[in-house]
Structure formats: C-alpha cells, structure tokens
C-alpha cells in the first residue's frame, strides 16, 4: 500500500516554483544556472535534492513557464513570457503558488 502524499510537500513545491520564476525574472537576461538556484532555495528553507529540482523545472518547462539549456552537467534556466506572467499573477497555474500583493 502506498503512502498518501504529504500535503506540506505539495505546498513547498508550489512555493519553490514561484521562487524559481521570481528569481529568474530578477536575473540578467532572465537566465540562471540551476546550481545557483539550488543553493539559493536552501537559504529560503525550500531545500530540495538536485534531481528533484531538475524534475520540478522540467515540469515548469512542460507548461511553458521556463526553458532549459544543457551542456553536459551544466543546466541553465531561462524565463518565458508565460513564466513572467505567472510571477506577477497575470496567469495562474496549479503548479505555482499565486504571488501575494506587493
């Protein structure tokens, strides 16, 4: 019998997705190395394994919120227009926590 998913894990996942998109929005050329994001998420108490981070970023890429560029072990993420819309709450998604008012 499989254990039920932990609701807190889903909450953290949505907050992590928003944090990733917001950080990309603030980055030069809307791009960032995934390893930098990995370390930054730890500072936000949204720690995750690198494999899990890659999986979550692929899910965001799958819905068109970001793009990934890979060269060997190096992964660079880039924000799309749809991802930017999510950052500002102009577009809503079940994968991403809705941003609060500024």
C-alpha atoms as a PDB file:
ATOM      1  CA  UNK A   1       0.000   0.000   0.000  1.00  0.00           C
ATOM      2  CA  UNK A   2       1.377   3.363  -0.993  1.00  0.00           C
ATOM      3  CA  UNK A   3       1.511   6.219   1.484  1.00  0.00           C
ATOM      4  CA  UNK A   4      -0.615   9.255   0.741  1.00  0.00           C
ATOM      5  CA  UNK A   5       1.323  12.315  -0.459  1.00  0.00           C
ATOM      6  CA  UNK A   6       2.298  14.752   2.257  1.00  0.00           C
ATOM      7  CA  UNK A   7       0.301  17.995   1.776  1.00  0.00           C
ATOM      8  CA  UNK A   8       3.279  20.021   3.042  1.00  0.00           C
ATOM      9  CA  UNK A   9       5.446  18.649   0.219  1.00  0.00           C
ATOM     10  CA  UNK A  10       2.939  19.950  -2.342  1.00  0.00           C
ATOM     11  CA  UNK A  11       2.808  23.356  -0.654  1.00  0.00           C
ATOM     12  CA  UNK A  12       6.614  23.622  -0.673  1.00  0.00           C
ATOM     13  CA  UNK A  13       6.717  22.517  -4.304  1.00  0.00           C
ATOM     14  CA  UNK A  14       4.357  25.326  -5.371  1.00  0.00           C
ATOM     15  CA  UNK A  15       6.301  27.895  -3.317  1.00  0.00           C
ATOM     16  CA  UNK A  16       9.571  26.627  -4.817  1.00  0.00           C
ATOM     17  CA  UNK A  17       8.133  27.039  -8.319  1.00  0.00           C
ATOM     18  CA  UNK A  18       7.148  30.641  -7.604  1.00  0.00           C
ATOM     19  CA  UNK A  19      10.545  31.385  -6.038  1.00  0.00           C
ATOM     20  CA  UNK A  20      12.323  29.971  -9.104  1.00  0.00           C
ATOM     21  CA  UNK A  21      10.249  32.012 -11.550  1.00  0.00           C
ATOM     22  CA  UNK A  22      10.614  35.187  -9.474  1.00  0.00           C
ATOM     23  CA  UNK A  23      14.380  34.779  -9.223  1.00  0.00           C
ATOM     24  CA  UNK A  24      14.650  34.249 -12.967  1.00  0.00           C
ATOM     25  CA  UNK A  25      12.550  37.385 -13.504  1.00  0.00           C
ATOM     26  CA  UNK A  26      15.082  39.394 -11.478  1.00  0.00           C
ATOM     27  CA  UNK A  27      18.148  37.870 -13.170  1.00  0.00           C
ATOM     28  CA  UNK A  28      20.081  39.429 -16.055  1.00  0.00           C
ATOM     29  CA  UNK A  29      18.639  38.242 -19.370  1.00  0.00           C
ATOM     30  CA  UNK A  30      16.100  36.222 -17.323  1.00  0.00           C
ATOM     31  CA  UNK A  31      18.586  33.325 -17.073  1.00  0.00           C
ATOM     32  CA  UNK A  32      20.346  31.486 -14.240  1.00  0.00           C
ATOM     33  CA  UNK A  33      22.423  28.378 -13.574  1.00  0.00           C
ATOM     34  CA  UNK A  34      20.369  25.709 -11.806  1.00  0.00           C
ATOM     35  CA  UNK A  35      23.149  25.127  -9.240  1.00  0.00           C
ATOM     36  CA  UNK A  36      22.903  28.744  -8.113  1.00  0.00           C
ATOM     37  CA  UNK A  37      19.141  28.326  -7.717  1.00  0.00           C
ATOM     38  CA  UNK A  38      19.738  25.091  -5.808  1.00  0.00           C
ATOM     39  CA  UNK A  39      21.882  26.920  -3.217  1.00  0.00           C
ATOM     40  CA  UNK A  40      19.527  29.909  -3.099  1.00  0.00           C
ATOM     41  CA  UNK A  41      16.473  27.729  -2.399  1.00  0.00           C
ATOM     42  CA  UNK A  42      18.274  26.307   0.638  1.00  0.00           C
ATOM     43  CA  UNK A  43      18.547  29.855   2.026  1.00  0.00           C
ATOM     44  CA  UNK A  44      14.766  30.210   1.637  1.00  0.00           C
ATOM     45  CA  UNK A  45      14.131  26.984   3.612  1.00  0.00           C
ATOM     46  CA  UNK A  46      12.830  25.387   0.396  1.00  0.00           C
ATOM     47  CA  UNK A  47      15.578  22.774   0.278  1.00  0.00           C
ATOM     48  CA  UNK A  48      15.258  20.021  -2.316  1.00  0.00           C
ATOM     49  CA  UNK A  49      17.582  17.477  -3.922  1.00  0.00           C
ATOM     50  CA  UNK A  50      19.210  18.467  -7.195  1.00  0.00           C
ATOM     51  CA  UNK A  51      17.394  15.650  -9.013  1.00  0.00           C
ATOM     52  CA  UNK A  52      14.060  16.824  -7.616  1.00  0.00           C
ATOM     53  CA  UNK A  53      14.848  20.419  -8.628  1.00  0.00           C
ATOM     54  CA  UNK A  54      15.605  19.299 -12.189  1.00  0.00           C
ATOM     55  CA  UNK A  55      12.335  17.326 -12.252  1.00  0.00           C
ATOM     56  CA  UNK A  56      10.331  20.310 -10.980  1.00  0.00           C
ATOM     57  CA  UNK A  57      11.991  22.619 -13.517  1.00  0.00           C
ATOM     58  CA  UNK A  58      11.153  20.168 -16.300  1.00  0.00           C
ATOM     59  CA  UNK A  59       7.512  20.294 -15.186  1.00  0.00           C
ATOM     60  CA  UNK A  60       7.611  24.101 -15.403  1.00  0.00           C
ATOM     61  CA  UNK A  61       9.209  23.800 -18.822  1.00  0.00           C
ATOM     62  CA  UNK A  62       6.486  21.354 -19.862  1.00  0.00           C
ATOM     63  CA  UNK A  63       3.812  24.006 -19.321  1.00  0.00           C
ATOM     64  CA  UNK A  64       5.869  26.732 -20.987  1.00  0.00           C
ATOM     65  CA  UNK A  65       6.981  28.767 -17.943  1.00  0.00           C
ATOM     66  CA  UNK A  66      10.711  28.298 -18.482  1.00  0.00           C
ATOM     67  CA  UNK A  67      13.222  26.782 -20.871  1.00  0.00           C
ATOM     68  CA  UNK A  68      16.297  24.719 -20.056  1.00  0.00           C
ATOM     69  CA  UNK A  69      19.622  24.673 -21.842  1.00  0.00           C
ATOM     70  CA  UNK A  70      22.028  21.845 -21.053  1.00  0.00           C
ATOM     71  CA  UNK A  71      25.708  21.420 -21.754  1.00  0.00           C
ATOM     72  CA  UNK A  72      26.983  18.304 -20.023  1.00  0.00           C
ATOM     73  CA  UNK A  73      26.254  18.695 -16.316  1.00  0.00           C
ATOM     74  CA  UNK A  74      25.548  22.433 -16.632  1.00  0.00           C
ATOM     75  CA  UNK A  75      21.870  23.378 -16.751  1.00  0.00           C
ATOM     76  CA  UNK A  76      20.792  26.973 -17.387  1.00  0.00           C
ATOM     77  CA  UNK A  77      17.182  28.008 -16.901  1.00  0.00           C
ATOM     78  CA  UNK A  78      15.501  30.811 -18.807  1.00  0.00           C
ATOM     79  CA  UNK A  79      12.188  32.530 -18.102  1.00  0.00           C
ATOM     80  CA  UNK A  80       9.477  32.663 -20.769  1.00  0.00           C
ATOM     81  CA  UNK A  81       6.785  35.322 -21.186  1.00  0.00           C
ATOM     82  CA  UNK A  82       4.234  32.918 -19.690  1.00  0.00           C
ATOM     83  CA  UNK A  83       6.527  32.359 -16.701  1.00  0.00           C
ATOM     84  CA  UNK A  84       6.849  36.108 -16.252  1.00  0.00           C
ATOM     85  CA  UNK A  85       3.067  36.426 -16.325  1.00  0.00           C
ATOM     86  CA  UNK A  86       2.857  33.849 -13.525  1.00  0.00           C
ATOM     87  CA  UNK A  87       5.389  35.864 -11.454  1.00  0.00           C
ATOM     88  CA  UNK A  88       3.088  38.858 -11.495  1.00  0.00           C
ATOM     89  CA  UNK A  89      -0.157  36.937 -11.007  1.00  0.00           C
ATOM     90  CA  UNK A  90      -1.430  37.680 -14.522  1.00  0.00           C
ATOM     91  CA  UNK A  91      -1.573  33.944 -15.229  1.00  0.00           C
ATOM     92  CA  UNK A  92      -2.473  31.291 -12.663  1.00  0.00           C
ATOM     93  CA  UNK A  93      -1.316  27.681 -12.516  1.00  0.00           C
ATOM     94  CA  UNK A  94      -1.869  24.755 -10.161  1.00  0.00           C
ATOM     95  CA  UNK A  95       1.914  24.145 -10.287  1.00  0.00           C
ATOM     96  CA  UNK A  96       2.846  27.569  -8.900  1.00  0.00           C
ATOM     97  CA  UNK A  97       1.854  29.386  -5.733  1.00  0.00           C
ATOM     98  CA  UNK A  98      -0.093  32.546  -6.507  1.00  0.00           C
ATOM     99  CA  UNK A  99       2.072  35.574  -5.702  1.00  0.00           C
ATOM    100  CA  UNK A 100       0.931  37.842  -2.912  1.00  0.00           C
ATOM    101  CA  UNK A 101       0.309  41.557  -3.376  1.00  0.00           C
ATOM    102  CA  UNK A 102       3.378  43.775  -3.307  1.00  0.00           C
END
